[in-house]
Amino acid sequence: MELHITFNGPRDLSGQIYQQVRAAVLEGRLRAGEPLPPSRELAERLQIARNTVLVAYDRLAGEGFVTGKVGAGTFVSTAIPQQPSDRADSAAGLLQPRAVWEAIPDPPNLAAVDPPFDFRPGLPDARLFPYETWRRLVSRELRATAVRTGAYGDPAGPPGCAPRSPGMSASHAGFAPTQPTSSSPTACSRPST
């Protein structure tokens, strides 16, 4: 029998081949033992890549609709898989859980209960936070006298800080203390290497 494949758009060509061959097998247009066209020939006729046909044939073989014989070709299977619509509505053939699983009660709904302890990781106990102390400190720091104008403060630091010694500078930046001279009382120099 001649196999006719028509494409509905350029997408999923192997899926379209699969569906049409599968439908032909299930409807009886392709009978058990009947050969399918070779993948090269079908690909050439449809003007598509051979791998596209091979993917469809592999899927059909995986589901038991066709069988392949090395050197002989691909044939419609003699044992066509039973379709869900052909099955009886009884659950006799379906896999059923053991009765022991029915005896186990469902777990309790923990979202409906407020537990006395919350042991979830990463969540601190909010009841232990000192809200009253926090409110008092934030309130004190945000008063108009504490905020002042909202501008940046003195770069030398707040007025109560101890003054730096003459001749001292930031040693972490590679500077070393020097002796003040009459021309520059706070001069610094780089250490010699």
N, C-alpha and C. Protein backbone atom coordinates (compact mmCIF):
# COMPACT_ATOMS: atom_id res chain seq x y z
N MET A 1 0.84 -1.18 0.00
CA MET A 1 0.00 0.00 0.00
C MET A 1 0.88 1.24 0.00
N GLU A 2 0.43 2.23 -0.71
CA GLU A 2 1.15 3.50 -0.78
C GLU A 2 0.84 4.33 0.47
N LEU A 3 1.88 4.88 1.13
CA LEU A 3 1.71 5.70 2.32
C LEU A 3 1.71 7.17 1.93
N HIS A 4 0.63 7.85 2.27
CA HIS A 4 0.50 9.28 1.94
C HIS A 4 0.65 10.09 3.22
N ILE A 5 1.62 11.01 3.22
CA ILE A 5 1.87 11.90 4.36
C ILE A 5 1.70 13.33 3.87
N THR A 6 0.91 14.11 4.58
CA THR A 6 0.76 15.53 4.28
C THR A 6 1.13 16.33 5.51
N PHE A 7 1.84 17.42 5.29
CA PHE A 7 2.29 18.25 6.40
C PHE A 7 1.37 19.44 6.59
N ASN A 8 1.12 19.75 7.85
CA ASN A 8 0.36 20.94 8.22
C ASN A 8 1.32 21.93 8.85
N GLY A 9 2.09 22.61 8.04
CA GLY A 9 3.06 23.58 8.55
C GLY A 9 4.43 22.96 8.66
N PRO A 10 5.45 23.82 8.84
CA PRO A 10 6.84 23.35 8.86
C PRO A 10 7.34 22.87 10.22
N ARG A 11 6.52 22.89 11.24
CA ARG A 11 6.97 22.53 12.59
C ARG A 11 6.66 21.06 12.90
N ASP A 12 7.55 20.44 13.67
CA ASP A 12 7.41 19.07 14.17
C ASP A 12 7.05 18.09 13.06
N LEU A 13 7.88 18.03 12.04
CA LEU A 13 7.62 17.15 10.91
C LEU A 13 7.64 15.68 11.32
N SER A 14 8.60 15.32 12.20
CA SER A 14 8.65 13.92 12.64
C SER A 14 7.40 13.57 13.44
N GLY A 15 6.88 14.51 14.22
CA GLY A 15 5.65 14.27 14.97
C GLY A 15 4.46 14.10 14.04
N GLN A 16 4.42 14.85 12.95
CA GLN A 16 3.33 14.72 12.00
C GLN A 16 3.39 13.38 11.28
N ILE A 17 4.60 12.93 10.91
CA ILE A 17 4.75 11.61 10.29
C ILE A 17 4.29 10.54 11.27
N TYR A 18 4.75 10.64 12.51
CA TYR A 18 4.37 9.67 13.55
C TYR A 18 2.87 9.59 13.69
N GLN A 19 2.21 10.72 13.82
CA GLN A 19 0.75 10.73 14.04
C GLN A 19 0.01 10.14 12.85
N GLN A 20 0.44 10.44 11.64
CA GLN A 20 -0.27 9.95 10.46
C GLN A 20 -0.05 8.45 10.26
N VAL A 21 1.16 7.95 10.48
CA VAL A 21 1.40 6.51 10.36
C VAL A 21 0.66 5.77 11.47
N ARG A 22 0.69 6.30 12.66
CA ARG A 22 -0.01 5.68 13.80
C ARG A 22 -1.51 5.60 13.53
N ALA A 23 -2.08 6.70 13.01
CA ALA A 23 -3.51 6.71 12.69
C ALA A 23 -3.82 5.69 11.60
N ALA A 24 -2.95 5.55 10.60
CA ALA A 24 -3.18 4.58 9.53
C ALA A 24 -3.15 3.16 10.07
N VAL A 25 -2.27 2.89 11.05
CA VAL A 25 -2.19 1.56 11.65
C VAL A 25 -3.45 1.29 12.47
N LEU A 26 -3.86 2.25 13.29
CA LEU A 26 -5.02 2.05 14.16
C LEU A 26 -6.33 1.95 13.37
N GLU A 27 -6.42 2.66 12.26
CA GLU A 27 -7.64 2.63 11.45
C GLU A 27 -7.67 1.43 10.51
N GLY A 28 -6.56 0.69 10.42
CA GLY A 28 -6.52 -0.50 9.58
C GLY A 28 -6.10 -0.23 8.14
N ARG A 29 -5.73 1.00 7.81
CA ARG A 29 -5.25 1.28 6.45
C ARG A 29 -3.89 0.64 6.22
N LEU A 30 -3.11 0.50 7.27
CA LEU A 30 -1.86 -0.26 7.23
C LEU A 30 -2.08 -1.51 8.06
N ARG A 31 -1.99 -2.68 7.43
CA ARG A 31 -2.26 -3.94 8.11
C ARG A 31 -0.99 -4.51 8.72
N ALA A 32 -1.16 -5.41 9.68
CA ALA A 32 -0.04 -6.06 10.37
C ALA A 32 0.86 -6.76 9.37
N GLY A 33 2.15 -6.57 9.50
CA GLY A 33 3.14 -7.20 8.63
C GLY A 33 3.42 -6.43 7.35
N GLU A 34 2.66 -5.40 7.07
CA GLU A 34 2.85 -4.62 5.84
C GLU A 34 4.10 -3.75 5.98
N PRO A 35 4.91 -3.67 4.91
CA PRO A 35 6.14 -2.87 5.02
C PRO A 35 5.86 -1.38 4.90
N LEU A 36 6.65 -0.61 5.63
CA LEU A 36 6.64 0.86 5.50
C LEU A 36 7.72 1.22 4.49
N PRO A 37 7.59 2.38 3.84
CA PRO A 37 8.63 2.76 2.90
C PRO A 37 9.97 2.95 3.62
N PRO A 38 11.08 2.62 2.98
CA PRO A 38 12.38 2.86 3.61
C PRO A 38 12.55 4.34 3.96
N SER A 39 13.30 4.60 5.02
CA SER A 39 13.44 5.97 5.51
C SER A 39 14.06 6.89 4.46
N ARG A 40 15.03 6.39 3.70
CA ARG A 40 15.65 7.22 2.66
C ARG A 40 14.63 7.59 1.58
N GLU A 41 13.86 6.61 1.16
CA GLU A 41 12.87 6.83 0.10
C GLU A 41 11.78 7.80 0.56
N LEU A 42 11.27 7.60 1.78
CA LEU A 42 10.22 8.49 2.29
C LEU A 42 10.76 9.90 2.47
N ALA A 43 11.97 10.04 2.96
CA ALA A 43 12.57 11.36 3.15
C ALA A 43 12.75 12.06 1.81
N GLU A 44 13.16 11.30 0.80
CA GLU A 44 13.34 11.89 -0.53
C GLU A 44 12.00 12.32 -1.12
N ARG A 45 10.98 11.48 -0.97
CA ARG A 45 9.65 11.81 -1.49
C ARG A 45 9.07 13.05 -0.81
N LEU A 46 9.28 13.17 0.52
CA LEU A 46 8.74 14.29 1.29
C LEU A 46 9.67 15.51 1.26
N GLN A 47 10.86 15.33 0.70
CA GLN A 47 11.87 16.39 0.63
C GLN A 47 12.23 16.94 2.01
N ILE A 48 12.54 16.01 2.92
CA ILE A 48 12.96 16.35 4.28
C ILE A 48 14.21 15.53 4.60
N ALA A 49 14.81 15.79 5.72
CA ALA A 49 16.00 15.06 6.14
C ALA A 49 15.62 13.64 6.56
N ARG A 50 16.51 12.70 6.30
CA ARG A 50 16.25 11.30 6.65
C ARG A 50 16.09 11.14 8.16
N ASN A 51 16.86 11.90 8.94
CA ASN A 51 16.76 11.79 10.41
C ASN A 51 15.36 12.12 10.90
N THR A 52 14.65 13.00 10.21
CA THR A 52 13.28 13.34 10.60
C THR A 52 12.39 12.11 10.49
N VAL A 53 12.55 11.34 9.41
CA VAL A 53 11.78 10.10 9.23
C VAL A 53 12.22 9.07 10.25
N LEU A 54 13.53 8.97 10.51
CA LEU A 54 14.03 8.00 11.48
C LEU A 54 13.51 8.27 12.88
N VAL A 55 13.37 9.54 13.24
CA VAL A 55 12.84 9.87 14.56
C VAL A 55 11.40 9.39 14.67
N ALA A 56 10.60 9.60 13.62
CA ALA A 56 9.20 9.14 13.63
C ALA A 56 9.14 7.62 13.70
N TYR A 57 9.96 6.92 12.90
CA TYR A 57 9.98 5.46 12.92
C TYR A 57 10.43 4.92 14.28
N ASP A 58 11.43 5.56 14.88
CA ASP A 58 11.90 5.14 16.21
C ASP A 58 10.80 5.29 17.25
N ARG A 59 10.07 6.36 17.17
CA ARG A 59 8.98 6.58 18.13
C ARG A 59 7.88 5.54 17.94
N LEU A 60 7.56 5.23 16.69
CA LEU A 60 6.56 4.20 16.41
C LEU A 60 7.03 2.83 16.90
N ALA A 61 8.32 2.55 16.72
CA ALA A 61 8.88 1.28 17.18
C ALA A 61 8.88 1.22 18.70
N GLY A 62 9.20 2.32 19.33
CA GLY A 62 9.22 2.37 20.79
C GLY A 62 7.85 2.13 21.40
N GLU A 63 6.81 2.50 20.70
CA GLU A 63 5.45 2.30 21.21
C GLU A 63 4.83 1.00 20.70
N GLY A 64 5.59 0.24 19.91
CA GLY A 64 5.13 -1.08 19.48
C GLY A 64 4.28 -1.09 18.23
N PHE A 65 4.21 0.00 17.49
CA PHE A 65 3.40 0.04 16.27
C PHE A 65 4.13 -0.56 15.08
N VAL A 66 5.44 -0.47 15.05
CA VAL A 66 6.23 -1.03 13.95
C VAL A 66 7.40 -1.81 14.51
N THR A 67 7.93 -2.70 13.68
CA THR A 67 9.13 -3.44 14.04
C THR A 67 10.11 -3.31 12.89
N GLY A 68 11.37 -3.32 13.21
CA GLY A 68 12.40 -3.21 12.19
C GLY A 68 13.18 -4.49 12.08
N LYS A 69 13.49 -4.86 10.86
CA LYS A 69 14.32 -6.04 10.61
C LYS A 69 15.54 -5.56 9.85
N VAL A 70 16.72 -5.85 10.39
CA VAL A 70 17.96 -5.38 9.78
C VAL A 70 18.06 -5.94 8.37
N GLY A 71 18.24 -5.03 7.42
CA GLY A 71 18.40 -5.42 6.03
C GLY A 71 17.08 -5.66 5.31
N ALA A 72 15.98 -5.80 6.05
CA ALA A 72 14.69 -6.09 5.42
C ALA A 72 13.77 -4.88 5.41
N GLY A 73 13.88 -4.00 6.40
CA GLY A 73 13.06 -2.80 6.44
C GLY A 73 12.24 -2.69 7.70
N THR A 74 11.24 -1.80 7.66
CA THR A 74 10.36 -1.54 8.79
C THR A 74 8.97 -2.01 8.42
N PHE A 75 8.34 -2.77 9.34
CA PHE A 75 7.03 -3.36 9.08
C PHE A 75 6.05 -3.00 10.20
N VAL A 76 4.77 -3.01 9.84
CA VAL A 76 3.73 -2.79 10.85
C VAL A 76 3.74 -3.99 11.78
N SER A 77 3.69 -3.74 13.06
CA SER A 77 3.78 -4.79 14.06
C SER A 77 2.55 -5.70 14.01
N THR A 78 2.78 -6.98 14.30
CA THR A 78 1.66 -7.92 14.35
C THR A 78 0.91 -7.81 15.67
N ALA A 79 1.56 -7.29 16.69
CA ALA A 79 0.91 -7.09 18.00
C ALA A 79 0.78 -5.60 18.23
N ILE A 80 -0.30 -5.02 17.73
CA ILE A 80 -0.52 -3.58 17.87
C ILE A 80 -0.94 -3.29 19.31
N PRO A 81 -0.34 -2.26 19.93
CA PRO A 81 -0.67 -1.94 21.31
C PRO A 81 -2.14 -1.55 21.46
N GLN A 82 -2.70 -1.94 22.60
CA GLN A 82 -4.09 -1.61 22.89
C GLN A 82 -4.20 -0.13 23.24
N GLN A 83 -5.18 0.53 22.70
CA GLN A 83 -5.37 1.95 22.92
C GLN A 83 -6.25 2.19 24.15
N PRO A 84 -6.12 3.36 24.80
CA PRO A 84 -6.94 3.65 25.98
C PRO A 84 -8.43 3.56 25.69
N SER A 85 -8.88 3.93 24.49
CA SER A 85 -10.30 3.88 24.17
C SER A 85 -10.79 2.45 24.01
N ASP A 86 -9.86 1.50 23.69
CA ASP A 86 -10.23 0.11 23.51
C ASP A 86 -10.32 -0.64 24.83
N ARG A 87 -9.77 -0.11 25.86
CA ARG A 87 -9.73 -0.80 27.15
C ARG A 87 -11.09 -0.76 27.82
N ALA A 88 -11.32 -1.78 28.62
CA ALA A 88 -12.55 -1.80 29.41
C ALA A 88 -12.43 -0.76 30.51
N ASP A 89 -13.56 -0.28 30.98
CA ASP A 89 -13.54 0.76 32.01
C ASP A 89 -13.19 0.21 33.38
N SER A 90 -13.09 -1.11 33.51
CA SER A 90 -12.77 -1.67 34.81
C SER A 90 -11.31 -1.40 35.13
N ALA A 91 -11.00 -1.33 36.41
CA ALA A 91 -9.64 -1.06 36.86
C ALA A 91 -8.90 -2.34 37.17
N ALA A 92 -9.39 -3.47 36.65
CA ALA A 92 -8.79 -4.77 36.98
C ALA A 92 -7.34 -4.85 36.50
N GLY A 93 -7.03 -4.31 35.35
CA GLY A 93 -5.68 -4.42 34.82
C GLY A 93 -4.75 -3.32 35.29
N LEU A 94 -5.28 -2.32 35.98
CA LEU A 94 -4.45 -1.21 36.42
C LEU A 94 -3.71 -1.56 37.70
N LEU A 95 -2.60 -0.94 37.87
CA LEU A 95 -1.80 -1.13 39.07
C LEU A 95 -2.49 -0.43 40.24
N GLN A 96 -2.72 -1.15 41.29
CA GLN A 96 -3.41 -0.60 42.46
C GLN A 96 -2.46 -0.59 43.65
N PRO A 97 -2.58 0.41 44.55
CA PRO A 97 -1.73 0.41 45.75
C PRO A 97 -2.17 -0.69 46.71
N ARG A 98 -1.25 -1.13 47.54
CA ARG A 98 -1.55 -2.16 48.53
C ARG A 98 -2.50 -1.59 49.59
N ALA A 99 -3.22 -2.48 50.23
CA ALA A 99 -4.20 -2.08 51.24
C ALA A 99 -3.54 -1.40 52.44
N VAL A 100 -2.29 -1.74 52.73
CA VAL A 100 -1.60 -1.15 53.87
C VAL A 100 -1.49 0.37 53.72
N TRP A 101 -1.39 0.86 52.48
CA TRP A 101 -1.28 2.30 52.28
C TRP A 101 -2.59 3.01 52.57
N GLU A 102 -3.69 2.32 52.40
CA GLU A 102 -5.00 2.94 52.69
C GLU A 102 -5.19 3.11 54.20
N ALA A 103 -4.53 2.25 55.00
CA ALA A 103 -4.68 2.31 56.45
C ALA A 103 -3.88 3.45 57.08
N ILE A 104 -2.90 3.99 56.37
CA ILE A 104 -2.07 5.07 56.91
C ILE A 104 -2.85 6.39 56.81
N PRO A 105 -3.02 7.10 57.93
CA PRO A 105 -3.78 8.36 57.87
C PRO A 105 -3.00 9.45 57.14
N ASP A 106 -3.73 10.40 56.62
CA ASP A 106 -3.10 11.55 55.97
C ASP A 106 -2.35 12.38 57.01
N PRO A 107 -1.25 13.02 56.63
CA PRO A 107 -0.52 13.85 57.59
C PRO A 107 -1.37 15.06 57.99
N PRO A 108 -1.16 15.57 59.19
CA PRO A 108 -1.96 16.72 59.63
C PRO A 108 -1.60 17.98 58.84
N ASN A 109 -2.56 18.87 58.74
CA ASN A 109 -2.33 20.14 58.04
C ASN A 109 -1.64 21.08 59.02
N LEU A 110 -0.34 21.22 58.89
CA LEU A 110 0.43 22.04 59.82
C LEU A 110 0.21 23.53 59.61
N ALA A 111 -0.31 23.92 58.46
CA ALA A 111 -0.57 25.34 58.22
C ALA A 111 -1.78 25.82 59.02
N ALA A 112 -2.64 24.91 59.43
CA ALA A 112 -3.85 25.30 60.16
C ALA A 112 -3.59 25.46 61.65
N VAL A 113 -2.45 25.00 62.14
CA VAL A 113 -2.15 25.03 63.57
C VAL A 113 -1.01 26.00 63.81
N ASP A 114 -1.10 26.80 64.89
CA ASP A 114 0.00 27.70 65.27
C ASP A 114 0.86 26.95 66.28
N PRO A 115 2.02 26.44 65.86
CA PRO A 115 2.83 25.63 66.78
C PRO A 115 3.44 26.50 67.88
N PRO A 116 3.70 25.91 69.05
CA PRO A 116 4.30 26.68 70.14
C PRO A 116 5.75 27.05 69.85
N PHE A 117 6.45 26.26 69.03
CA PHE A 117 7.83 26.54 68.69
C PHE A 117 7.99 26.49 67.18
N ASP A 118 8.79 27.41 66.65
CA ASP A 118 9.05 27.44 65.22
C ASP A 118 10.52 27.14 65.01
N PHE A 119 10.81 25.92 64.56
CA PHE A 119 12.19 25.48 64.40
C PHE A 119 12.69 25.62 62.97
N ARG A 120 12.02 26.40 62.15
CA ARG A 120 12.50 26.58 60.78
C ARG A 120 13.84 27.31 60.81
N PRO A 121 14.80 26.85 60.00
CA PRO A 121 16.11 27.52 60.00
C PRO A 121 16.04 28.88 59.34
N GLY A 122 16.83 29.81 59.88
CA GLY A 122 16.92 31.14 59.29
C GLY A 122 15.86 32.11 59.74
N LEU A 123 14.96 31.69 60.61
CA LEU A 123 13.91 32.59 61.09
C LEU A 123 14.13 32.87 62.58
N PRO A 124 14.52 34.08 62.93
CA PRO A 124 14.69 34.39 64.36
C PRO A 124 13.34 34.51 65.05
N ASP A 125 13.36 34.35 66.34
CA ASP A 125 12.13 34.49 67.13
C ASP A 125 11.89 35.98 67.34
N ALA A 126 10.88 36.52 66.68
CA ALA A 126 10.60 37.96 66.73
C ALA A 126 10.16 38.40 68.12
N ARG A 127 9.68 37.46 68.93
CA ARG A 127 9.25 37.84 70.28
C ARG A 127 10.42 38.23 71.17
N LEU A 128 11.63 37.80 70.82
CA LEU A 128 12.80 38.11 71.63
C LEU A 128 13.48 39.42 71.24
N PHE A 129 13.03 40.04 70.16
CA PHE A 129 13.64 41.29 69.73
C PHE A 129 13.25 42.43 70.68
N PRO A 130 14.20 43.27 71.11
CA PRO A 130 13.90 44.35 72.07
C PRO A 130 13.27 45.55 71.36
N TYR A 131 11.99 45.42 70.99
CA TYR A 131 11.32 46.48 70.24
C TYR A 131 11.27 47.80 71.00
N GLU A 132 11.03 47.76 72.28
CA GLU A 132 10.92 48.99 73.07
C GLU A 132 12.26 49.73 73.10
N THR A 133 13.35 49.01 73.31
CA THR A 133 14.68 49.63 73.31
C THR A 133 15.00 50.16 71.92
N TRP A 134 14.69 49.40 70.90
CA TRP A 134 14.94 49.83 69.51
C TRP A 134 14.17 51.10 69.19
N ARG A 135 12.90 51.17 69.57
CA ARG A 135 12.07 52.34 69.32
C ARG A 135 12.65 53.57 70.02
N ARG A 136 13.08 53.40 71.27
CA ARG A 136 13.63 54.51 72.04
C ARG A 136 14.92 55.04 71.40
N LEU A 137 15.82 54.14 70.97
CA LEU A 137 17.08 54.56 70.36
C LEU A 137 16.86 55.23 69.00
N VAL A 138 15.98 54.68 68.20
CA VAL A 138 15.70 55.28 66.89
C VAL A 138 15.06 56.64 67.07
N SER A 139 14.16 56.74 68.03
CA SER A 139 13.48 58.02 68.29
C SER A 139 14.49 59.08 68.72
N ARG A 140 15.42 58.71 69.57
CA ARG A 140 16.43 59.67 70.05
C ARG A 140 17.32 60.13 68.90
N GLU A 141 17.73 59.21 68.02
CA GLU A 141 18.62 59.58 66.93
C GLU A 141 17.93 60.37 65.82
N LEU A 142 16.65 60.27 65.72
CA LEU A 142 15.93 60.98 64.66
C LEU A 142 15.34 62.31 65.11
N ARG A 143 15.62 62.73 66.33
CA ARG A 143 15.15 64.05 66.77
C ARG A 143 15.85 65.12 65.94
N ALA A 144 15.22 66.28 65.83
CA ALA A 144 15.76 67.37 65.02
C ALA A 144 17.14 67.81 65.51
N THR A 145 17.38 67.78 66.80
CA THR A 145 18.68 68.21 67.32
C THR A 145 19.77 67.20 66.97
N ALA A 146 19.40 65.92 66.87
CA ALA A 146 20.40 64.91 66.54
C ALA A 146 20.68 64.88 65.04
N VAL A 147 19.66 65.13 64.24
CA VAL A 147 19.82 65.07 62.79
C VAL A 147 20.50 66.33 62.28
N ARG A 148 20.30 67.42 62.92
CA ARG A 148 20.83 68.74 62.54
C ARG A 148 20.31 69.12 61.17
N THR A 149 21.19 69.47 60.26
CA THR A 149 20.73 69.95 58.95
C THR A 149 20.61 68.84 57.93
N GLY A 150 21.07 67.66 58.21
CA GLY A 150 21.05 66.58 57.24
C GLY A 150 22.24 66.59 56.32
N ALA A 151 23.19 67.50 56.55
CA ALA A 151 24.37 67.60 55.70
C ALA A 151 25.45 66.66 56.22
N TYR A 152 26.48 66.47 55.42
CA TYR A 152 27.60 65.65 55.85
C TYR A 152 28.31 66.33 57.01
N GLY A 153 28.87 65.51 57.88
CA GLY A 153 29.59 66.04 59.03
C GLY A 153 31.00 66.49 58.66
N ASP A 154 31.74 66.91 59.67
CA ASP A 154 33.12 67.35 59.49
C ASP A 154 33.98 66.17 59.06
N PRO A 155 34.79 66.30 57.99
CA PRO A 155 35.61 65.18 57.55
C PRO A 155 36.66 64.76 58.57
N ALA A 156 37.00 65.64 59.50
CA ALA A 156 37.98 65.30 60.54
C ALA A 156 37.33 64.49 61.65
N GLY A 157 36.02 64.34 61.60
CA GLY A 157 35.33 63.56 62.63
C GLY A 157 34.52 64.45 63.53
N PRO A 158 33.79 63.85 64.45
CA PRO A 158 32.98 64.65 65.37
C PRO A 158 33.85 65.48 66.31
N PRO A 159 33.29 66.53 66.87
CA PRO A 159 34.08 67.45 67.70
C PRO A 159 34.74 66.79 68.91
N GLY A 160 34.25 65.72 69.44
CA GLY A 160 34.80 65.13 70.65
C GLY A 160 35.98 64.20 70.41
N CYS A 161 36.41 63.97 69.19
CA CYS A 161 37.50 63.04 68.92
C CYS A 161 38.85 63.65 69.29
N ALA A 162 39.80 62.80 69.69
CA ALA A 162 41.15 63.27 70.03
C ALA A 162 41.88 63.69 68.77
N PRO A 163 42.60 64.81 68.81
CA PRO A 163 43.34 65.23 67.61
C PRO A 163 44.49 64.28 67.31
N ARG A 164 44.87 64.22 66.05
CA ARG A 164 45.97 63.36 65.66
C ARG A 164 47.29 64.03 66.01
N SER A 165 48.26 63.21 66.27
CA SER A 165 49.60 63.74 66.60
C SER A 165 50.21 64.35 65.36
N PRO A 166 50.98 65.44 65.50
CA PRO A 166 51.65 66.02 64.33
C PRO A 166 52.63 65.02 63.75
N GLY A 167 52.64 64.94 62.43
CA GLY A 167 53.58 64.05 61.76
C GLY A 167 53.08 62.64 61.58
N MET A 168 51.86 62.33 62.01
CA MET A 168 51.33 60.98 61.84
C MET A 168 50.38 60.99 60.65
N SER A 169 50.41 59.93 59.90
CA SER A 169 49.50 59.81 58.77
C SER A 169 49.05 58.36 58.67
N ALA A 170 48.27 58.10 57.67
CA ALA A 170 47.72 56.75 57.50
C ALA A 170 48.81 55.78 57.11
N SER A 171 49.20 54.93 58.05
CA SER A 171 50.27 53.98 57.74
C SER A 171 49.76 52.85 56.86
N HIS A 172 48.46 52.60 56.84
CA HIS A 172 47.93 51.53 56.00
C HIS A 172 48.01 51.89 54.52
N ALA A 173 48.17 53.18 54.21
CA ALA A 173 48.30 53.59 52.81
C ALA A 173 49.76 53.62 52.38
N GLY A 174 50.67 53.20 53.23
CA GLY A 174 52.07 53.15 52.85
C GLY A 174 52.85 54.38 53.30
N PHE A 175 52.26 55.20 54.17
CA PHE A 175 52.96 56.37 54.68
C PHE A 175 53.55 56.05 56.04
N ALA A 176 54.59 56.76 56.38
CA ALA A 176 55.25 56.55 57.67
C ALA A 176 55.32 57.87 58.42
N PRO A 177 55.40 57.82 59.75
CA PRO A 177 55.51 59.07 60.52
C PRO A 177 56.82 59.78 60.22
N THR A 178 56.75 61.10 60.22
CA THR A 178 57.94 61.92 59.98
C THR A 178 58.06 62.95 61.10
N GLN A 179 59.19 63.60 61.16
CA GLN A 179 59.39 64.68 62.12
C GLN A 179 58.91 65.97 61.49
N PRO A 180 58.11 66.75 62.21
CA PRO A 180 57.67 68.02 61.64
C PRO A 180 58.84 68.98 61.47
N THR A 181 58.76 69.75 60.41
CA THR A 181 59.76 70.79 60.16
C THR A 181 59.10 72.13 60.32
N SER A 182 59.89 73.18 60.30
CA SER A 182 59.34 74.52 60.48
C SER A 182 58.49 74.93 59.29
N SER A 183 58.82 74.42 58.07
CA SER A 183 58.04 74.83 56.91
C SER A 183 56.75 74.02 56.76
N SER A 184 56.74 72.75 57.17
CA SER A 184 55.50 71.97 57.11
C SER A 184 55.40 71.12 58.37
N PRO A 185 54.64 71.60 59.34
CA PRO A 185 54.57 70.89 60.61
C PRO A 185 53.88 69.53 60.53
N THR A 186 53.13 69.23 59.48
CA THR A 186 52.44 67.93 59.41
C THR A 186 52.86 67.15 58.17
N ALA A 187 54.11 67.34 57.71
CA ALA A 187 54.54 66.69 56.48
C ALA A 187 54.67 65.20 56.66
N CYS A 188 54.44 64.46 55.57
CA CYS A 188 54.59 63.01 55.56
C CYS A 188 55.48 62.65 54.39
N SER A 189 56.12 61.55 54.51
CA SER A 189 56.93 61.07 53.37
C SER A 189 56.73 59.58 53.26
N ARG A 190 56.97 59.09 52.08
CA ARG A 190 56.87 57.64 51.85
C ARG A 190 58.13 56.99 52.41
N PRO A 191 57.97 55.81 52.98
CA PRO A 191 59.18 55.11 53.46
C PRO A 191 60.07 54.73 52.27
N SER A 192 61.36 54.75 52.47
CA SER A 192 62.27 54.38 51.40
C SER A 192 62.29 52.86 51.23
N THR A 193 62.43 52.46 50.00
CA THR A 193 62.45 51.00 49.74
C THR A 193 63.82 50.54 49.38
